[in-house]
Amino acid sequence: MKVYVQTDIEGVAGVVFFEHYDPSPENVQHRQRMRRLLTGEVNAAVTAAFEAGATEVIVNDSHGSGYNVLFEELDARCEIIHGRNCSGPHWLPEFDDSFEALVLVGMHAMGGTPKAILPHSRWEVNDGEIFLGEASMAAALAGHRGVPTVFASGDDKIVAELREKIPAARYAQVKKALGAYQARSLIPARSRELIAQGVKEALEHAGDIEPYRIRGPLQLNLIDSPNHAPPFTRVLDKSVEAANIEDAFMQALKAMPWNKFNVELPDGFQFP
């Protein structure tokens, strides 16, 4: 059984602020602390997957720099995809229909979700027929390949959104959002315990969970702002039209000037 673990950080127990790149010692220490919290939750999911019978587990470090998980602390049986996001071939690198399950760790609510922790990224399908966050978009991309999303962790708001879309999956609510920058969190040892229990149960019942599918053809746009704060607008001047959710999503990402896929040489590199 192959399992793909997609990670973010805003939904991890103890995380309540967006990441800042201030070089002060206090901020550097804080960022490293948040990465340790993320690593602990990811490792709980990975170890539980192997205990549930997984033969291969791939972790995608998908937050910000793509270099957040302290991978030397992970279960040595897994492998990890890390480095600059959107510089490889896909937003979910190496993901295909050979996987039997998608696991989501550290997820956050979509932009505009009231009283959610650090909500951002709201994908608009067909002018508002459906809205997707990063977590439900990952589930939809997996569903396009026929792979079920079996588990997710995060705050109460993202758990509620995903439970409505994928009711048969298992969930770990690791914190209760009180506002955009305040939460009531479980202690890390407890959040990891819930994640491990949830992943193990989810994989044991993966055959009962249907892939989350969005039918095409469709139109897609992203509603957000540079700082993930109001006012929110459509990022693309014109919505992308495509036959399926994966084609639409990848076309939309590649239309955004800050994304550079299939980078073969370092930025600014020149041959002698």
C-alpha atoms as a PDB file:
ATOM      1  CA  MET A   1       0.000   0.000   0.000  1.00  0.00           C
ATOM      2  CA  LYS A   2       1.401   3.376  -1.076  1.00  0.00           C
ATOM      3  CA  VAL A   3       0.429   6.448   0.973  1.00  0.00           C
ATOM      4  CA  TYR A   4       1.022  10.103   0.070  1.00  0.00           C
ATOM      5  CA  VAL A   5       1.207  12.573   2.984  1.00  0.00           C
ATOM      6  CA  GLN A   6       0.529  16.187   1.988  1.00  0.00           C
ATOM      7  CA  THR A   7       1.573  18.700   4.653  1.00  0.00           C
ATOM      8  CA  ASP A   8       1.036  22.327   5.580  1.00  0.00           C
ATOM      9  CA  ILE A   9       1.765  24.131   8.839  1.00  0.00           C
ATOM     10  CA  GLU A  10      -1.090  26.503   9.701  1.00  0.00           C
ATOM     11  CA  GLY A  11      -3.257  23.646  10.964  1.00  0.00           C
ATOM     12  CA  VAL A  12      -0.667  22.211  13.354  1.00  0.00           C
ATOM     13  CA  ALA A  13      -1.444  22.349  17.087  1.00  0.00           C
ATOM     14  CA  GLY A  14       0.321  25.380  18.565  1.00  0.00           C
ATOM     15  CA  VAL A  15       0.623  27.378  15.322  1.00  0.00           C
ATOM     16  CA  VAL A  16      -1.361  30.634  15.401  1.00  0.00           C
ATOM     17  CA  PHE A  17       0.598  33.122  13.259  1.00  0.00           C
ATOM     18  CA  PHE A  18       1.649  33.292   9.632  1.00  0.00           C
ATOM     19  CA  GLU A  19       5.339  32.695   9.073  1.00  0.00           C
ATOM     20  CA  HIS A  20       7.485  35.835   8.986  1.00  0.00           C
ATOM     21  CA  TYR A  21      11.007  36.072   7.611  1.00  0.00           C
ATOM     22  CA  ASP A  22      12.355  38.541  10.146  1.00  0.00           C
ATOM     23  CA  PRO A  23      16.007  37.486  10.776  1.00  0.00           C
ATOM     24  CA  SER A  24      15.894  38.375  14.485  1.00  0.00           C
ATOM     25  CA  PRO A  25      16.992  35.546  16.824  1.00  0.00           C
ATOM     26  CA  GLU A  26      13.572  35.480  18.485  1.00  0.00           C
ATOM     27  CA  ASN A  27      11.774  34.948  15.167  1.00  0.00           C
ATOM     28  CA  VAL A  28      14.258  32.350  13.948  1.00  0.00           C
ATOM     29  CA  GLN A  29      13.788  30.451  17.198  1.00  0.00           C
ATOM     30  CA  HIS A  30      10.012  30.684  16.876  1.00  0.00           C
ATOM     31  CA  ARG A  31      10.038  29.361  13.296  1.00  0.00           C
ATOM     32  CA  GLN A  32      12.221  26.444  14.289  1.00  0.00           C
ATOM     33  CA  ARG A  33       9.848  25.658  17.140  1.00  0.00           C
ATOM     34  CA  MET A  34       6.869  25.598  14.767  1.00  0.00           C
ATOM     35  CA  ARG A  35       8.794  23.286  12.445  1.00  0.00           C
ATOM     36  CA  ARG A  36       9.396  20.878  15.297  1.00  0.00           C
ATOM     37  CA  LEU A  37       5.652  20.857  16.020  1.00  0.00           C
ATOM     38  CA  LEU A  38       4.941  20.163  12.340  1.00  0.00           C
ATOM     39  CA  THR A  39       7.554  17.418  12.228  1.00  0.00           C
ATOM     40  CA  GLY A  40       6.025  15.690  15.240  1.00  0.00           C
ATOM     41  CA  GLU A  41       2.573  15.565  13.656  1.00  0.00           C
ATOM     42  CA  VAL A  42       3.924  14.416  10.293  1.00  0.00           C
ATOM     43  CA  ASN A  43       5.945  11.676  11.960  1.00  0.00           C
ATOM     44  CA  ALA A  44       2.874  10.488  13.858  1.00  0.00           C
ATOM     45  CA  ALA A  45       1.034  10.105  10.549  1.00  0.00           C
ATOM     46  CA  VAL A  46       3.967   8.371   8.834  1.00  0.00           C
ATOM     47  CA  THR A  47       4.563   5.836  11.603  1.00  0.00           C
ATOM     48  CA  ALA A  48       0.846   5.075  11.857  1.00  0.00           C
ATOM     49  CA  ALA A  49       0.694   4.506   8.091  1.00  0.00           C
ATOM     50  CA  PHE A  50       3.402   1.884   8.283  1.00  0.00           C
ATOM     51  CA  GLU A  51       1.708   0.272  11.278  1.00  0.00           C
ATOM     52  CA  ALA A  52      -1.476   0.079   9.200  1.00  0.00           C
ATOM     53  CA  GLY A  53       0.332  -1.856   6.479  1.00  0.00           C
ATOM     54  CA  ALA A  54       1.805   0.796   4.187  1.00  0.00           C
ATOM     55  CA  THR A  55       4.780  -0.413   2.177  1.00  0.00           C
ATOM     56  CA  GLU A  56       5.733   3.040   0.887  1.00  0.00           C
ATOM     57  CA  VAL A  57       5.053   6.491   2.357  1.00  0.00           C
ATOM     58  CA  ILE A  58       5.970   9.708   0.547  1.00  0.00           C
ATOM     59  CA  VAL A  59       5.793  13.024   2.441  1.00  0.00           C
ATOM     60  CA  ASN A  60       5.370  16.282   0.507  1.00  0.00           C
ATOM     61  CA  ASP A  61       6.693  19.287   2.458  1.00  0.00           C
ATOM     62  CA  SER A  62       4.266  21.758   0.919  1.00  0.00           C
ATOM     63  CA  HIS A  63       4.355  24.850   3.143  1.00  0.00           C
ATOM     64  CA  GLY A  64       6.100  28.039   2.025  1.00  0.00           C
ATOM     65  CA  SER A  65       9.732  27.271   1.289  1.00  0.00           C
ATOM     66  CA  GLY A  66       9.011  23.561   1.036  1.00  0.00           C
ATOM     67  CA  TYR A  67      11.816  22.999   3.525  1.00  0.00           C
ATOM     68  CA  ASN A  68      10.051  22.946   6.882  1.00  0.00           C
ATOM     69  CA  VAL A  69       9.860  19.348   8.052  1.00  0.00           C
ATOM     70  CA  LEU A  70      12.913  18.308  10.062  1.00  0.00           C
ATOM     71  CA  PHE A  71      13.240  15.194   7.976  1.00  0.00           C
ATOM     72  CA  GLU A  72      16.152  13.750   9.941  1.00  0.00           C
ATOM     73  CA  GLU A  73      13.637  13.226  12.752  1.00  0.00           C
ATOM     74  CA  LEU A  74      11.139  11.289  10.612  1.00  0.00           C
ATOM     75  CA  ASP A  75      10.568   7.547  10.536  1.00  0.00           C
ATOM     76  CA  ALA A  76      13.455   6.286   8.390  1.00  0.00           C
ATOM     77  CA  ARG A  77      11.129   4.142   6.280  1.00  0.00           C
ATOM     78  CA  CYS A  78       9.497   7.119   4.536  1.00  0.00           C
ATOM     79  CA  GLU A  79      10.852   9.459   1.875  1.00  0.00           C
ATOM     80  CA  ILE A  80      10.255  13.194   1.590  1.00  0.00           C
ATOM     81  CA  ILE A  81       9.808  15.697  -1.228  1.00  0.00           C
ATOM     82  CA  HIS A  82      11.208  19.047  -0.194  1.00  0.00           C
ATOM     83  CA  GLY A  83      12.603  22.238  -1.663  1.00  0.00           C
ATOM     84  CA  ARG A  84      11.184  25.194  -3.524  1.00  0.00           C
ATOM     85  CA  ASN A  85       7.489  24.648  -4.134  1.00  0.00           C
ATOM     86  CA  CYS A  86       6.252  24.896  -7.717  1.00  0.00           C
ATOM     87  CA  SER A  87       9.758  24.463  -9.141  1.00  0.00           C
ATOM     88  CA  GLY A  88       9.145  20.813 -10.021  1.00  0.00           C
ATOM     89  CA  PRO A  89       6.598  19.295 -12.376  1.00  0.00           C
ATOM     90  CA  HIS A  90       3.479  19.517 -10.191  1.00  0.00           C
ATOM     91  CA  TRP A  91       1.977  20.914  -6.980  1.00  0.00           C
ATOM     92  CA  LEU A  92       1.716  17.308  -5.783  1.00  0.00           C
ATOM     93  CA  PRO A  93       5.083  16.018  -7.040  1.00  0.00           C
ATOM     94  CA  GLU A  94       5.344  12.292  -7.699  1.00  0.00           C
ATOM     95  CA  PHE A  95       1.627  11.749  -7.013  1.00  0.00           C
ATOM     96  CA  ASP A  96      -0.190   9.370  -9.355  1.00  0.00           C
ATOM     97  CA  ASP A  97      -2.825   6.655  -9.370  1.00  0.00           C
ATOM     98  CA  SER A  98      -0.425   4.084  -7.930  1.00  0.00           C
ATOM     99  CA  PHE A  99      -1.134   5.520  -4.466  1.00  0.00           C
ATOM    100  CA  GLU A 100      -3.970   4.029  -2.478  1.00  0.00           C
ATOM    101  CA  ALA A 101      -4.554   6.930  -0.089  1.00  0.00           C
ATOM    102  CA  LEU A 102      -3.922  10.634   0.468  1.00  0.00           C
ATOM    103  CA  VAL A 103      -3.317  11.835   4.053  1.00  0.00           C
ATOM    104  CA  LEU A 104      -3.469  15.555   4.925  1.00  0.00           C
ATOM    105  CA  VAL A 105      -1.570  16.934   7.943  1.00  0.00           C
ATOM    106  CA  GLY A 106      -1.592  20.515   9.255  1.00  0.00           C
ATOM    107  CA  MET A 107      -4.415  21.785   7.062  1.00  0.00           C
ATOM    108  CA  HIS A 108      -6.037  25.243   7.312  1.00  0.00           C
ATOM    109  CA  ALA A 109      -9.413  26.636   6.305  1.00  0.00           C
ATOM    110  CA  MET A 110      -9.979  28.397   2.991  1.00  0.00           C
ATOM    111  CA  GLY A 111      -9.840  32.180   2.730  1.00  0.00           C
ATOM    112  CA  GLY A 112     -12.899  33.978   4.058  1.00  0.00           C
ATOM    113  CA  THR A 113     -13.818  31.295   6.607  1.00  0.00           C
ATOM    114  CA  PRO A 114     -15.091  33.153   9.710  1.00  0.00           C
ATOM    115  CA  LYS A 115     -13.038  32.735  12.903  1.00  0.00           C
ATOM    116  CA  ALA A 116     -10.687  30.192  11.338  1.00  0.00           C
ATOM    117  CA  ILE A 117      -6.981  30.102  12.142  1.00  0.00           C
ATOM    118  CA  LEU A 118      -4.895  31.698   9.374  1.00  0.00           C
ATOM    119  CA  PRO A 119      -7.413  31.076   6.559  1.00  0.00           C
ATOM    120  CA  HIS A 120      -6.242  31.687   2.992  1.00  0.00           C
ATOM    121  CA  SER A 121      -6.505  30.432  -0.598  1.00  0.00           C
ATOM    122  CA  ARG A 122     -10.103  30.087  -1.790  1.00  0.00           C
ATOM    123  CA  TRP A 123     -10.473  28.345  -5.140  1.00  0.00           C
ATOM    124  CA  GLU A 124     -13.677  29.279  -6.964  1.00  0.00           C
ATOM    125  CA  VAL A 125     -15.157  26.636  -9.252  1.00  0.00           C
ATOM    126  CA  ASN A 126     -17.690  27.735 -11.889  1.00  0.00           C
ATOM    127  CA  ASP A 127     -18.148  31.250 -10.480  1.00  0.00           C
ATOM    128  CA  GLY A 128     -18.957  30.019  -6.994  1.00  0.00           C
ATOM    129  CA  GLU A 129     -20.714  26.718  -7.606  1.00  0.00           C
ATOM    130  CA  ILE A 130     -18.056  25.124  -5.367  1.00  0.00           C
ATOM    131  CA  PHE A 131     -15.312  26.611  -3.210  1.00  0.00           C
ATOM    132  CA  LEU A 132     -12.127  24.731  -2.353  1.00  0.00           C
ATOM    133  CA  GLY A 133      -9.292  25.411   0.060  1.00  0.00           C
ATOM    134  CA  GLU A 134      -5.809  23.983  -0.321  1.00  0.00           C
ATOM    135  CA  ALA A 135      -6.847  20.836   1.543  1.00  0.00           C
ATOM    136  CA  SER A 136      -9.974  20.154  -0.496  1.00  0.00           C
ATOM    137  CA  MET A 137      -8.089  21.037  -3.692  1.00  0.00           C
ATOM    138  CA  ALA A 138      -5.515  18.356  -2.858  1.00  0.00           C
ATOM    139  CA  ALA A 139      -8.411  15.955  -2.260  1.00  0.00           C
ATOM    140  CA  ALA A 140      -9.956  16.886  -5.607  1.00  0.00           C
ATOM    141  CA  LEU A 141      -6.658  16.360  -7.441  1.00  0.00           C
ATOM    142  CA  ALA A 142      -6.321  12.956  -5.771  1.00  0.00           C
ATOM    143  CA  GLY A 143      -9.922  12.171  -6.647  1.00  0.00           C
ATOM    144  CA  HIS A 144      -9.229  12.982 -10.289  1.00  0.00           C
ATOM    145  CA  ARG A 145      -6.676  10.140 -10.186  1.00  0.00           C
ATOM    146  CA  GLY A 146      -9.142   7.860  -8.402  1.00  0.00           C
ATOM    147  CA  VAL A 147      -7.330   8.075  -5.046  1.00  0.00           C
ATOM    148  CA  PRO A 148      -9.348   8.671  -1.852  1.00  0.00           C
ATOM    149  CA  THR A 149      -8.424  11.250   0.766  1.00  0.00           C
ATOM    150  CA  VAL A 150      -8.740   9.204   3.933  1.00  0.00           C
ATOM    151  CA  PHE A 151      -7.561  11.513   6.732  1.00  0.00           C
ATOM    152  CA  ALA A 152      -6.979  15.168   7.595  1.00  0.00           C
ATOM    153  CA  SER A 153      -5.866  17.138  10.647  1.00  0.00           C
ATOM    154  CA  GLY A 154      -6.253  20.817  11.475  1.00  0.00           C
ATOM    155  CA  ASP A 155      -8.536  23.219  13.309  1.00  0.00           C
ATOM    156  CA  ASP A 156     -12.283  22.788  13.769  1.00  0.00           C
ATOM    157  CA  LYS A 157     -13.115  24.911  10.709  1.00  0.00           C
ATOM    158  CA  ILE A 158     -11.140  22.878   8.170  1.00  0.00           C
ATOM    159  CA  VAL A 159     -12.348  19.646   9.744  1.00  0.00           C
ATOM    160  CA  ALA A 160     -15.945  20.862   9.306  1.00  0.00           C
ATOM    161  CA  GLU A 161     -15.357  21.791   5.650  1.00  0.00           C
ATOM    162  CA  LEU A 162     -13.721  18.494   4.760  1.00  0.00           C
ATOM    163  CA  ARG A 163     -16.209  16.405   6.726  1.00  0.00           C
ATOM    164  CA  GLU A 164     -19.005  17.938   4.648  1.00  0.00           C
ATOM    165  CA  LYS A 165     -17.171  17.101   1.411  1.00  0.00           C
ATOM    166  CA  ILE A 166     -15.696  13.725   2.444  1.00  0.00           C
ATOM    167  CA  PRO A 167     -17.857  12.394   5.299  1.00  0.00           C
ATOM    168  CA  ALA A 168     -16.345   8.893   5.376  1.00  0.00           C
ATOM    169  CA  ALA A 169     -12.759  10.094   5.972  1.00  0.00           C
ATOM    170  CA  ARG A 170     -11.231  10.238   9.449  1.00  0.00           C
ATOM    171  CA  TYR A 171     -10.232  13.507  11.113  1.00  0.00           C
ATOM    172  CA  ALA A 172      -8.149  14.849  13.977  1.00  0.00           C
ATOM    173  CA  GLN A 173      -9.184  18.258  15.300  1.00  0.00           C
ATOM    174  CA  VAL A 174      -5.988  19.437  16.985  1.00  0.00           C
ATOM    175  CA  LYS A 175      -7.165  22.935  17.899  1.00  0.00           C
ATOM    176  CA  LYS A 176     -10.260  25.100  18.130  1.00  0.00           C
ATOM    177  CA  ALA A 177      -9.989  28.390  16.275  1.00  0.00           C
ATOM    178  CA  LEU A 178     -11.012  31.440  18.304  1.00  0.00           C
ATOM    179  CA  GLY A 179     -10.042  33.958  15.632  1.00  0.00           C
ATOM    180  CA  ALA A 180      -7.567  34.459  12.831  1.00  0.00           C
ATOM    181  CA  TYR A 181      -4.594  34.533  15.233  1.00  0.00           C
ATOM    182  CA  GLN A 182      -5.827  32.739  18.357  1.00  0.00           C
ATOM    183  CA  ALA A 183      -6.675  29.122  19.093  1.00  0.00           C
ATOM    184  CA  ARG A 184      -7.219  26.637  21.862  1.00  0.00           C
ATOM    185  CA  SER A 185      -4.714  23.905  21.006  1.00  0.00           C
ATOM    186  CA  LEU A 186      -4.154  20.392  22.166  1.00  0.00           C
ATOM    187  CA  ILE A 187      -0.767  19.664  23.699  1.00  0.00           C
ATOM    188  CA  PRO A 188       1.536  18.216  20.995  1.00  0.00           C
ATOM    189  CA  ALA A 189       1.699  14.765  22.565  1.00  0.00           C
ATOM    190  CA  ARG A 190      -2.104  14.554  22.411  1.00  0.00           C
ATOM    191  CA  SER A 191      -2.390  15.928  18.852  1.00  0.00           C
ATOM    192  CA  ARG A 192       0.132  13.346  17.660  1.00  0.00           C
ATOM    193  CA  GLU A 193      -1.774  10.592  19.417  1.00  0.00           C
ATOM    194  CA  LEU A 194      -5.035  11.592  17.711  1.00  0.00           C
ATOM    195  CA  ILE A 195      -3.332  11.836  14.323  1.00  0.00           C
ATOM    196  CA  ALA A 196      -1.775   8.402  14.709  1.00  0.00           C
ATOM    197  CA  GLN A 197      -5.089   6.875  15.746  1.00  0.00           C
ATOM    198  CA  GLY A 198      -6.941   8.586  12.910  1.00  0.00           C
ATOM    199  CA  VAL A 199      -4.462   7.647  10.186  1.00  0.00           C
ATOM    200  CA  LYS A 200      -4.327   4.027  11.273  1.00  0.00           C
ATOM    201  CA  GLU A 201      -8.110   3.712  11.338  1.00  0.00           C
ATOM    202  CA  ALA A 202      -8.460   5.583   8.045  1.00  0.00           C
ATOM    203  CA  LEU A 203      -6.057   3.287   6.211  1.00  0.00           C
ATOM    204  CA  GLU A 204      -7.672   0.202   7.676  1.00  0.00           C
ATOM    205  CA  HIS A 205     -10.980   1.396   6.165  1.00  0.00           C
ATOM    206  CA  ALA A 206      -9.602   3.100   3.045  1.00  0.00           C
ATOM    207  CA  GLY A 207     -11.686   0.866   0.789  1.00  0.00           C
ATOM    208  CA  ASP A 208     -14.851   2.374   2.260  1.00  0.00           C
ATOM    209  CA  ILE A 209     -13.886   5.969   1.408  1.00  0.00           C
ATOM    210  CA  GLU A 210     -14.801   7.248  -2.039  1.00  0.00           C
ATOM    211  CA  PRO A 211     -12.421   9.588  -3.913  1.00  0.00           C
ATOM    212  CA  TYR A 212     -13.539  13.223  -3.823  1.00  0.00           C
ATOM    213  CA  ARG A 213     -14.355  14.078  -7.438  1.00  0.00           C
ATOM    214  CA  ILE A 214     -15.290  17.339  -9.136  1.00  0.00           C
ATOM    215  CA  ARG A 215     -16.731  16.866 -12.582  1.00  0.00           C
ATOM    216  CA  GLY A 216     -15.517  18.862 -15.564  1.00  0.00           C
ATOM    217  CA  PRO A 217     -15.443  20.766 -17.750  1.00  0.00           C
ATOM    218  CA  LEU A 218     -15.121  23.677 -15.384  1.00  0.00           C
ATOM    219  CA  GLN A 219     -13.874  27.206 -14.750  1.00  0.00           C
ATOM    220  CA  LEU A 220     -11.396  27.957 -11.971  1.00  0.00           C
ATOM    221  CA  ASN A 221      -9.986  31.044 -10.288  1.00  0.00           C
ATOM    222  CA  LEU A 222      -8.266  31.823  -7.006  1.00  0.00           C
ATOM    223  CA  ILE A 223      -9.665  34.367  -4.554  1.00  0.00           C
ATOM    224  CA  ASP A 224      -6.927  35.728  -2.295  1.00  0.00           C
ATOM    225  CA  SER A 225      -4.669  38.701  -1.582  1.00  0.00           C
ATOM    226  CA  PRO A 226      -0.872  39.077  -1.359  1.00  0.00           C
ATOM    227  CA  ASN A 227      -0.954  39.086   2.456  1.00  0.00           C
ATOM    228  CA  HIS A 228      -3.911  36.691   2.847  1.00  0.00           C
ATOM    229  CA  ALA A 229      -5.893  39.603   4.296  1.00  0.00           C
ATOM    230  CA  PRO A 230      -8.881  41.631   2.987  1.00  0.00           C
ATOM    231  CA  PRO A 231      -9.655  42.895   0.470  1.00  0.00           C
ATOM    232  CA  PHE A 232      -9.750  39.597  -1.433  1.00  0.00           C
ATOM    233  CA  THR A 233      -9.930  39.599  -5.217  1.00  0.00           C
ATOM    234  CA  ARG A 234      -9.710  37.092  -8.060  1.00  0.00           C
ATOM    235  CA  VAL A 235      -6.026  36.506  -8.689  1.00  0.00           C
ATOM    236  CA  LEU A 236      -6.426  35.794 -12.405  1.00  0.00           C
ATOM    237  CA  ASP A 237      -7.974  38.372 -14.704  1.00  0.00           C
ATOM    238  CA  LYS A 238      -9.849  35.596 -16.472  1.00  0.00           C
ATOM    239  CA  SER A 239     -10.875  32.233 -15.026  1.00  0.00           C
ATOM    240  CA  VAL A 240      -9.153  29.182 -16.464  1.00  0.00           C
ATOM    241  CA  GLU A 241     -11.365  26.810 -18.444  1.00  0.00           C
ATOM    242  CA  ALA A 242     -10.399  23.152 -18.702  1.00  0.00           C
ATOM    243  CA  ALA A 243     -11.785  19.665 -19.112  1.00  0.00           C
ATOM    244  CA  ASN A 244     -10.947  18.565 -15.568  1.00  0.00           C
ATOM    245  CA  ILE A 245      -9.857  19.891 -12.172  1.00  0.00           C
ATOM    246  CA  GLU A 246      -6.192  18.932 -12.547  1.00  0.00           C
ATOM    247  CA  ASP A 247      -5.714  20.647 -15.892  1.00  0.00           C
ATOM    248  CA  ALA A 248      -7.558  23.740 -14.645  1.00  0.00           C
ATOM    249  CA  PHE A 249      -5.548  23.889 -11.419  1.00  0.00           C
ATOM    250  CA  MET A 250      -2.160  23.501 -13.090  1.00  0.00           C
ATOM    251  CA  GLN A 251      -3.014  26.058 -15.770  1.00  0.00           C
ATOM    252  CA  ALA A 252      -4.088  28.513 -13.073  1.00  0.00           C
ATOM    253  CA  LEU A 253      -0.915  27.985 -11.036  1.00  0.00           C
ATOM    254  CA  LYS A 254       1.314  28.426 -14.077  1.00  0.00           C
ATOM    255  CA  ALA A 255      -0.499  31.663 -14.952  1.00  0.00           C
ATOM    256  CA  MET A 256       0.597  33.174 -11.640  1.00  0.00           C
ATOM    257  CA  PRO A 257       3.884  35.052 -12.184  1.00  0.00           C
ATOM    258  CA  TRP A 258       5.462  33.972  -8.883  1.00  0.00           C
ATOM    259  CA  ASN A 259       5.256  30.268  -9.774  1.00  0.00           C
ATOM    260  CA  LYS A 260       8.041  28.792 -11.890  1.00  0.00           C
ATOM    261  CA  PHE A 261       7.578  25.127 -12.745  1.00  0.00           C
ATOM    262  CA  ASN A 262      10.211  22.792 -14.175  1.00  0.00           C
ATOM    263  CA  VAL A 263      13.124  25.001 -13.180  1.00  0.00           C
ATOM    264  CA  GLU A 264      16.225  23.266 -14.506  1.00  0.00           C
ATOM    265  CA  LEU A 265      18.873  25.752 -13.387  1.00  0.00           C
ATOM    266  CA  PRO A 266      19.166  28.052 -10.346  1.00  0.00           C
ATOM    267  CA  ASP A 267      17.654  31.513 -10.635  1.00  0.00           C
ATOM    268  CA  GLY A 268      20.068  33.852 -12.368  1.00  0.00           C
ATOM    269  CA  PHE A 269      22.418  31.036 -13.385  1.00  0.00           C
ATOM    270  CA  GLN A 270      24.395  31.733 -16.519  1.00  0.00           C
ATOM    271  CA  PHE A 271      26.800  29.497 -18.383  1.00  0.00           C
ATOM    272  CA  PRO A 272      30.384  30.833 -18.626  1.00  0.00           C
END
